[in-house]
PDB file of all heavy atoms in Angstrom:
ATOM      1  N   SER A   1      43.624  12.372 110.686  1.00  0.00           N
ATOM      2  CA  SER A   1      44.108  12.564 112.054  1.00  0.00           C
ATOM      3  C   SER A   1      43.867  13.994 112.544  1.00  0.00           C
ATOM      4  O   SER A   1      44.172  14.318 113.681  1.00  0.00           O
ATOM      5  CB  SER A   1      45.606  12.246 112.134  1.00  0.00           C
ATOM      6  OG  SER A   1      46.344  13.120 111.306  1.00  0.00           O
ATOM      7  N   ALA A   2      43.336  14.857 111.683  1.00  0.00           N
ATOM      8  CA  ALA A   2      43.067  16.232 112.084  1.00  0.00           C
ATOM      9  C   ALA A   2      41.806  16.289 112.942  1.00  0.00           C
ATOM     10  O   ALA A   2      41.032  15.352 112.990  1.00  0.00           O
ATOM     11  CB  ALA A   2      42.898  17.121 110.845  1.00  0.00           C
ATOM     12  N   PHE A   3      41.618  17.414 113.623  1.00  0.00           N
ATOM     13  CA  PHE A   3      40.434  17.557 114.459  1.00  0.00           C
ATOM     14  C   PHE A   3      39.478  18.614 113.928  1.00  0.00           C
ATOM     15  O   PHE A   3      38.328  18.662 114.306  1.00  0.00           O
ATOM     16  CB  PHE A   3      40.815  17.893 115.903  1.00  0.00           C
ATOM     17  CG  PHE A   3      41.754  19.056 116.037  1.00  0.00           C
ATOM     18  CD1 PHE A   3      41.268  20.341 116.008  1.00  0.00           C
ATOM     19  CD2 PHE A   3      43.117  18.848 116.173  1.00  0.00           C
ATOM     20  CE1 PHE A   3      42.134  21.424 116.124  1.00  0.00           C
ATOM     21  CE2 PHE A   3      43.983  19.921 116.299  1.00  0.00           C
ATOM     22  CZ  PHE A   3      43.498  21.215 116.269  1.00  0.00           C
ATOM     23  N   GLN A   4      39.955  19.506 113.055  1.00  0.00           N
ATOM     24  CA  GLN A   4      39.108  20.585 112.567  1.00  0.00           C
ATOM     25  C   GLN A   4      38.051  20.061 111.594  1.00  0.00           C
ATOM     26  O   GLN A   4      38.260  19.104 110.867  1.00  0.00           O
ATOM     27  CB  GLN A   4      39.954  21.643 111.850  1.00  0.00           C
ATOM     28  CG  GLN A   4      40.655  22.601 112.774  1.00  0.00           C
ATOM     29  CD  GLN A   4      39.711  23.686 113.300  1.00  0.00           C
ATOM     30  OE1 GLN A   4      38.502  23.613 113.136  1.00  0.00           O
ATOM     31  NE2 GLN A   4      40.274  24.684 113.939  1.00  0.00           N
ATOM     32  N   ARG A   5      36.917  20.747 111.582  1.00  0.00           N
ATOM     33  CA  ARG A   5      35.884  20.431 110.613  1.00  0.00           C
ATOM     34  C   ARG A   5      36.278  20.966 109.235  1.00  0.00           C
ATOM     35  O   ARG A   5      37.167  21.787 109.100  1.00  0.00           O
ATOM     36  CB  ARG A   5      34.569  21.085 111.047  1.00  0.00           C
ATOM     37  CG  ARG A   5      34.007  20.548 112.328  1.00  0.00           C
ATOM     38  CD  ARG A   5      33.080  21.540 112.986  1.00  0.00           C
ATOM     39  NE  ARG A   5      33.806  22.713 113.471  1.00  0.00           N
ATOM     40  CZ  ARG A   5      33.241  23.703 114.124  1.00  0.00           C
ATOM     41  NH1 ARG A   5      31.961  23.678 114.360  1.00  0.00           N
ATOM     42  NH2 ARG A   5      33.961  24.728 114.553  1.00  0.00           N
ATOM     43  N   ALA A   6      35.597  20.470 108.204  1.00  0.00           N
ATOM     44  CA  ALA A   6      35.842  20.993 106.864  1.00  0.00           C
ATOM     45  C   ALA A   6      35.481  22.474 106.823  1.00  0.00           C
ATOM     46  O   ALA A   6      34.526  22.916 107.455  1.00  0.00           O
ATOM     47  CB  ALA A   6      35.017  20.212 105.846  1.00  0.00           C
ATOM     48  N   VAL A   7      36.266  23.244 106.080  1.00  0.00           N
ATOM     49  CA  VAL A   7      36.035  24.682 105.993  1.00  0.00           C
ATOM     50  C   VAL A   7      34.835  24.967 105.103  1.00  0.00           C
ATOM     51  O   VAL A   7      34.700  24.405 104.017  1.00  0.00           O
ATOM     52  CB  VAL A   7      37.290  25.388 105.453  1.00  0.00           C
ATOM     53  CG1 VAL A   7      37.035  26.880 105.274  1.00  0.00           C
ATOM     54  CG2 VAL A   7      38.462  25.173 106.397  1.00  0.00           C
ATOM     55  N   SER A   8      33.955  25.844 105.576  1.00  0.00           N
ATOM     56  CA  SER A   8      32.738  26.188 104.846  1.00  0.00           C
ATOM     57  C   SER A   8      32.971  27.433 104.000  1.00  0.00           C
ATOM     58  O   SER A   8      33.312  28.501 104.523  1.00  0.00           O
ATOM     59  CB  SER A   8      31.602  26.437 105.836  1.00  0.00           C
ATOM     60  OG  SER A   8      30.527  27.100 105.210  1.00  0.00           O
ATOM     61  N   LYS A   9      32.778  27.309 102.701  1.00  0.00           N
ATOM     62  CA  LYS A   9      32.934  28.439 101.793  1.00  0.00           C
ATOM     63  C   LYS A   9      31.950  29.551 102.145  1.00  0.00           C
ATOM     64  O   LYS A   9      32.316  30.739 102.175  1.00  0.00           O
ATOM     65  CB  LYS A   9      32.722  27.973 100.359  1.00  0.00           C
ATOM     66  CG  LYS A   9      32.780  29.080  99.306  1.00  0.00           C
ATOM     67  CD  LYS A   9      32.652  28.465  97.918  1.00  0.00           C
ATOM     68  CE  LYS A   9      32.695  29.543  96.836  1.00  0.00           C
ATOM     69  NZ  LYS A   9      31.491  30.396  96.848  1.00  0.00           N
ATOM     70  N   ARG A  10      30.711  29.185 102.445  1.00  0.00           N
ATOM     71  CA  ARG A  10      29.688  30.175 102.774  1.00  0.00           C
ATOM     72  C   ARG A  10      30.067  30.960 104.024  1.00  0.00           C
ATOM     73  O   ARG A  10      29.924  32.183 104.079  1.00  0.00           O
ATOM     74  CB  ARG A  10      28.346  29.466 102.981  1.00  0.00           C
ATOM     75  CG  ARG A  10      27.209  30.401 103.358  1.00  0.00           C
ATOM     76  CD  ARG A  10      25.934  29.605 103.635  1.00  0.00           C
ATOM     77  NE  ARG A  10      26.145  28.633 104.693  1.00  0.00           N
ATOM     78  CZ  ARG A  10      26.132  28.928 105.987  1.00  0.00           C
ATOM     79  NH1 ARG A  10      25.938  30.182 106.383  1.00  0.00           N
ATOM     80  NH2 ARG A  10      26.315  27.988 106.890  1.00  0.00           N
ATOM     81  N   LYS A  11      30.599  30.257 105.034  1.00  0.00           N
ATOM     82  CA  LYS A  11      30.946  30.920 106.276  1.00  0.00           C
ATOM     83  C   LYS A  11      32.140  31.852 106.087  1.00  0.00           C
ATOM     84  O   LYS A  11      32.172  32.959 106.635  1.00  0.00           O
ATOM     85  CB  LYS A  11      31.261  29.872 107.351  1.00  0.00           C
ATOM     86  CG  LYS A  11      31.409  30.441 108.749  1.00  0.00           C
ATOM     87  CD  LYS A  11      31.506  29.334 109.785  1.00  0.00           C
ATOM     88  CE  LYS A  11      31.587  29.909 111.185  1.00  0.00           C
ATOM     89  NZ  LYS A  11      31.663  28.840 112.218  1.00  0.00           N
ATOM     90  N   VAL A  12      33.137  31.423 105.307  1.00  0.00           N
ATOM     91  CA  VAL A  12      34.297  32.271 105.038  1.00  0.00           C
ATOM     92  C   VAL A  12      33.867  33.551 104.341  1.00  0.00           C
ATOM     93  O   VAL A  12      34.302  34.654 104.694  1.00  0.00           O
ATOM     94  CB  VAL A  12      35.342  31.511 104.187  1.00  0.00           C
ATOM     95  CG1 VAL A  12      36.436  32.461 103.701  1.00  0.00           C
ATOM     96  CG2 VAL A  12      35.964  30.372 104.995  1.00  0.00           C
ATOM     97  N   GLU A  13      32.992  33.439 103.346  1.00  0.00           N
ATOM     98  CA  GLU A  13      32.548  34.621 102.614  1.00  0.00           C
ATOM     99  C   GLU A  13      31.738  35.557 103.510  1.00  0.00           C
ATOM    100  O   GLU A  13      31.846  36.783 103.399  1.00  0.00           O
ATOM    101  CB  GLU A  13      31.717  34.185 101.402  1.00  0.00           C
ATOM    102  CG  GLU A  13      32.568  33.515 100.316  1.00  0.00           C
ATOM    103  CD  GLU A  13      31.739  33.014  99.150  1.00  0.00           C
ATOM    104  OE1 GLU A  13      30.538  32.712  99.378  1.00  0.00           O
ATOM    105  OE2 GLU A  13      32.278  32.912  98.043  1.00  0.00           O
ATOM    106  N   ALA A  14      30.925  34.987 104.416  1.00  0.00           N
ATOM    107  CA  ALA A  14      30.120  35.818 105.317  1.00  0.00           C
ATOM    108  C   ALA A  14      31.010  36.601 106.278  1.00  0.00           C
ATOM    109  O   ALA A  14      30.764  37.785 106.545  1.00  0.00           O
ATOM    110  CB  ALA A  14      29.142  34.940 106.090  1.00  0.00           C
ATOM    111  N   ILE A  15      32.050  35.952 106.806  1.00  0.00           N
ATOM    112  CA  ILE A  15      32.953  36.634 107.739  1.00  0.00           C
ATOM    113  C   ILE A  15      33.757  37.706 107.001  1.00  0.00           C
ATOM    114  O   ILE A  15      33.971  38.807 107.519  1.00  0.00           O
ATOM    115  CB  ILE A  15      33.882  35.622 108.432  1.00  0.00           C
ATOM    116  CG1 ILE A  15      33.061  34.652 109.288  1.00  0.00           C
ATOM    117  CG2 ILE A  15      34.908  36.342 109.314  1.00  0.00           C
ATOM    118  CD1 ILE A  15      33.880  33.524 109.891  1.00  0.00           C
ATOM    119  N   LYS A  16      34.196  37.389 105.785  1.00  0.00           N
ATOM    120  CA  LYS A  16      34.929  38.382 104.990  1.00  0.00           C
ATOM    121  C   LYS A  16      34.053  39.615 104.755  1.00  0.00           C
ATOM    122  O   LYS A  16      34.524  40.756 104.859  1.00  0.00           O
ATOM    123  CB  LYS A  16      35.349  37.779 103.653  1.00  0.00           C
ATOM    124  CG  LYS A  16      36.014  38.765 102.692  1.00  0.00           C
ATOM    125  CD  LYS A  16      36.446  38.076 101.411  1.00  0.00           C
ATOM    126  CE  LYS A  16      37.045  39.058 100.424  1.00  0.00           C
ATOM    127  NZ  LYS A  16      36.001  39.939  99.826  1.00  0.00           N
ATOM    128  N   ASN A  17      32.792  39.396 104.465  1.00  0.00           N
ATOM    129  CA  ASN A  17      31.868  40.513 104.268  1.00  0.00           C
ATOM    130  C   ASN A  17      31.729  41.333 105.545  1.00  0.00           C
ATOM    131  O   ASN A  17      31.647  42.575 105.503  1.00  0.00           O
ATOM    132  CB  ASN A  17      30.504  39.982 103.829  1.00  0.00           C
ATOM    133  CG  ASN A  17      29.509  41.101 103.591  1.00  0.00           C
ATOM    134  OD1 ASN A  17      29.672  41.917 102.687  1.00  0.00           O
ATOM    135  ND2 ASN A  17      28.461  41.144 104.413  1.00  0.00           N
ATOM    136  N   PHE A  18      31.723  40.672 106.693  1.00  0.00           N
ATOM    137  CA  PHE A  18      31.656  41.389 107.969  1.00  0.00           C
ATOM    138  C   PHE A  18      32.894  42.250 108.170  1.00  0.00           C
ATOM    139  O   PHE A  18      32.799  43.399 108.611  1.00  0.00           O
ATOM    140  CB  PHE A  18      31.506  40.394 109.121  1.00  0.00           C
ATOM    141  CG  PHE A  18      31.629  41.041 110.484  1.00  0.00           C
ATOM    142  CD1 PHE A  18      30.632  41.877 110.967  1.00  0.00           C
ATOM    143  CD2 PHE A  18      32.755  40.829 111.257  1.00  0.00           C
ATOM    144  CE1 PHE A  18      30.746  42.481 112.212  1.00  0.00           C
ATOM    145  CE2 PHE A  18      32.883  41.422 112.504  1.00  0.00           C
ATOM    146  CZ  PHE A  18      31.877  42.255 112.980  1.00  0.00           C
ATOM    147  N   TYR A  19      34.072  41.720 107.843  1.00  0.00           N
ATOM    148  CA  TYR A  19      35.306  42.508 107.963  1.00  0.00           C
ATOM    149  C   TYR A  19      35.213  43.783 107.133  1.00  0.00           C
ATOM    150  O   TYR A  19      35.692  44.849 107.533  1.00  0.00           O
ATOM    151  CB  TYR A  19      36.512  41.697 107.502  1.00  0.00           C
ATOM    152  CG  TYR A  19      36.898  40.535 108.396  1.00  0.00           C
ATOM    153  CD1 TYR A  19      37.731  39.524 107.913  1.00  0.00           C
ATOM    154  CD2 TYR A  19      36.448  40.437 109.705  1.00  0.00           C
ATOM    155  CE1 TYR A  19      38.108  38.454 108.725  1.00  0.00           C
ATOM    156  CE2 TYR A  19      36.811  39.386 110.514  1.00  0.00           C
ATOM    157  CZ  TYR A  19      37.638  38.390 110.017  1.00  0.00           C
ATOM    158  OH  TYR A  19      38.003  37.331 110.821  1.00  0.00           O
ATOM    159  N   GLU A  20      34.606  43.670 105.963  1.00  0.00           N
ATOM    160  CA  GLU A  20      34.530  44.820 105.056  1.00  0.00           C
ATOM    161  C   GLU A  20      33.541  45.872 105.558  1.00  0.00           C
ATOM    162  O   GLU A  20      33.713  47.069 105.286  1.00  0.00           O
ATOM    163  CB  GLU A  20      34.118  44.337 103.663  1.00  0.00           C
ATOM    164  CG  GLU A  20      35.200  43.518 102.978  1.00  0.00           C
ATOM    165  CD  GLU A  20      34.731  42.901 101.676  1.00  0.00           C
ATOM    166  OE1 GLU A  20      33.510  42.685 101.519  1.00  0.00           O
ATOM    167  OE2 GLU A  20      35.589  42.614 100.829  1.00  0.00           O
ATOM    168  N   THR A  21      32.521  45.439 106.286  1.00  0.00           N
ATOM    169  CA  THR A  21      31.494  46.388 106.726  1.00  0.00           C
ATOM    170  C   THR A  21      31.684  46.867 108.163  1.00  0.00           C
ATOM    171  O   THR A  21      31.029  47.828 108.584  1.00  0.00           O
ATOM    172  CB  THR A  21      30.093  45.741 106.603  1.00  0.00           C
ATOM    173  OG1 THR A  21      30.071  44.524 107.355  1.00  0.00           O
ATOM    174  CG2 THR A  21      29.777  45.424 105.145  1.00  0.00           C
ATOM    175  N   ALA A  22      32.556  46.196 108.918  1.00  0.00           N
ATOM    176  CA  ALA A  22      32.785  46.597 110.314  1.00  0.00           C
ATOM    177  C   ALA A  22      33.644  47.861 110.342  1.00  0.00           C
ATOM    178  O   ALA A  22      34.816  47.839 109.963  1.00  0.00           O
ATOM    179  CB  ALA A  22      33.479  45.471 111.073  1.00  0.00           C
ATOM    180  N   ILE A  23      33.055  48.965 110.758  1.00  0.00           N
ATOM    181  CA  ILE A  23      33.777  50.237 110.812  1.00  0.00           C
ATOM    182  C   ILE A  23      34.050  50.611 112.268  1.00  0.00           C
ATOM    183  O   ILE A  23      35.202  50.697 112.711  1.00  0.00           O
ATOM    184  CB  ILE A  23      32.973  51.349 110.116  1.00  0.00           C
ATOM    185  CG1 ILE A  23      32.656  50.940 108.667  1.00  0.00           C
ATOM    186  CG2 ILE A  23      33.760  52.655 110.155  1.00  0.00           C
ATOM    187  CD1 ILE A  23      33.875  50.708 107.812  1.00  0.00           C
ATOM    188  N   SER A  24      32.987  50.854 113.024  1.00  0.00           N
ATOM    189  CA  SER A  24      33.170  51.238 114.423  1.00  0.00           C
ATOM    190  C   SER A  24      33.427  50.029 115.320  1.00  0.00           C
ATOM    191  O   SER A  24      34.030  50.149 116.386  1.00  0.00           O
ATOM    192  CB  SER A  24      31.933  51.998 114.924  1.00  0.00           C
ATOM    193  OG  SER A  24      30.771  51.191 114.807  1.00  0.00           O
ATOM    194  N   GLN A  25      32.955  48.840 114.882  1.00  0.00           N
ATOM    195  CA  GLN A  25      33.181  47.637 115.664  1.00  0.00           C
ATOM    196  C   GLN A  25      34.503  46.979 115.278  1.00  0.00           C
ATOM    197  O   GLN A  25      34.910  47.033 114.117  1.00  0.00           O
ATOM    198  CB  GLN A  25      32.045  46.626 115.431  1.00  0.00           C
ATOM    199  CG  GLN A  25      30.690  47.064 115.945  1.00  0.00           C
ATOM    200  CD  GLN A  25      29.643  46.013 115.658  1.00  0.00           C
ATOM    201  OE1 GLN A  25      29.742  45.268 114.700  1.00  0.00           O
ATOM    202  NE2 GLN A  25      28.625  45.966 116.505  1.00  0.00           N
ATOM    203  N   PRO A  26      35.181  46.315 116.233  1.00  0.00           N
ATOM    204  CA  PRO A  26      36.399  45.584 115.869  1.00  0.00           C
ATOM    205  C   PRO A  26      36.040  44.356 115.040  1.00  0.00           C
ATOM    206  O   PRO A  26      35.106  43.623 115.392  1.00  0.00           O
ATOM    207  CB  PRO A  26      36.999  45.188 117.220  1.00  0.00           C
ATOM    208  CG  PRO A  26      35.847  45.179 118.170  1.00  0.00           C
ATOM    209  CD  PRO A  26      34.902  46.249 117.684  1.00  0.00           C
ATOM    210  N   PRO A  27      36.737  44.098 113.947  1.00  0.00           N
ATOM    211  CA  PRO A  27      36.401  42.955 113.090  1.00  0.00           C
ATOM    212  C   PRO A  27      36.622  41.606 113.783  1.00  0.00           C
ATOM    213  O   PRO A  27      35.878  40.661 113.562  1.00  0.00           O
ATOM    214  CB  PRO A  27      37.331  43.099 111.887  1.00  0.00           C
ATOM    215  CG  PRO A  27      37.914  44.445 111.976  1.00  0.00           C
ATOM    216  CD  PRO A  27      37.812  44.913 113.378  1.00  0.00           C
ATOM    217  N   ILE A  28      37.678  41.516 114.625  1.00  0.00           N
ATOM    218  CA  ILE A  28      37.990  40.236 115.286  1.00  0.00           C
ATOM    219  C   ILE A  28      38.124  40.494 116.786  1.00  0.00           C
ATOM    220  O   ILE A  28      39.232  40.589 117.322  1.00  0.00           O
ATOM    221  CB  ILE A  28      39.296  39.614 114.728  1.00  0.00           C
ATOM    222  CG1 ILE A  28      39.274  39.625 113.199  1.00  0.00           C
ATOM    223  CG2 ILE A  28      39.469  38.183 115.238  1.00  0.00           C
ATOM    224  CD1 ILE A  28      40.557  39.133 112.564  1.00  0.00           C
ATOM    225  N   PRO A  29      36.998  40.606 117.493  1.00  0.00           N
ATOM    226  CA  PRO A  29      37.085  40.910 118.928  1.00  0.00           C
ATOM    227  C   PRO A  29      37.435  39.702 119.780  1.00  0.00           C
ATOM    228  O   PRO A  29      37.943  39.843 120.893  1.00  0.00           O
ATOM    229  CB  PRO A  29      35.669  41.404 119.246  1.00  0.00           C
ATOM    230  CG  PRO A  29      34.800  40.717 118.245  1.00  0.00           C
ATOM    231  CD  PRO A  29      35.626  40.587 116.993  1.00  0.00           C
ATOM    232  N   GLY A  30      37.166  38.502 119.272  1.00  0.00           N
ATOM    233  CA  GLY A  30      37.430  37.288 120.051  1.00  0.00           C
ATOM    234  C   GLY A  30      38.785  36.695 119.731  1.00  0.00           C
ATOM    235  O   GLY A  30      39.342  36.890 118.643  1.00  0.00           O
ATOM    236  N   THR A  31      39.342  35.954 120.689  1.00  0.00           N
ATOM    237  CA  THR A  31      40.678  35.389 120.492  1.00  0.00           C
ATOM    238  C   THR A  31      40.647  34.171 119.573  1.00  0.00           C
ATOM    239  O   THR A  31      39.697  33.390 119.573  1.00  0.00           O
ATOM    240  CB  THR A  31      41.307  34.976 121.837  1.00  0.00           C
ATOM    241  OG1 THR A  31      40.406  34.115 122.529  1.00  0.00           O
ATOM    242  CG2 THR A  31      41.611  36.183 122.688  1.00  0.00           C
ATOM    243  N   VAL A  32      41.718  34.045 118.818  1.00  0.00           N
ATOM    244  CA  VAL A  32      41.972  32.861 118.006  1.00  0.00           C
ATOM    245  C   VAL A  32      42.906  31.961 118.815  1.00  0.00           C
ATOM    246  O   VAL A  32      43.882  32.445 119.396  1.00  0.00           O
ATOM    247  CB  VAL A  32      42.618  33.249 116.662  1.00  0.00           C
ATOM    248  CG1 VAL A  32      43.123  32.023 115.916  1.00  0.00           C
ATOM    249  CG2 VAL A  32      41.634  34.041 115.804  1.00  0.00           C
ATOM    250  N   LEU A  33      42.610  30.674 118.879  1.00  0.00           N
ATOM    251  CA  LEU A  33      43.419  29.740 119.665  1.00  0.00           C
ATOM    252  C   LEU A  33      44.378  28.982 118.749  1.00  0.00           C
ATOM    253  O   LEU A  33      43.949  28.356 117.775  1.00  0.00           O
ATOM    254  CB  LEU A  33      42.528  28.748 120.418  1.00  0.00           C
ATOM    255  CG  LEU A  33      42.032  29.189 121.808  1.00  0.00           C
ATOM    256  CD1 LEU A  33      41.237  30.476 121.722  1.00  0.00           C
ATOM    257  CD2 LEU A  33      41.202  28.087 122.454  1.00  0.00           C
TER     258      LEU A  33
END
């Protein structure tokens, strides 16, 4: 009954890596709904 897609391990790891390397840029500039 859920609507979300299955969570992708590869995508989670890629975003985590971005958080670690984002220095001058905001890590989460877009809104979470």
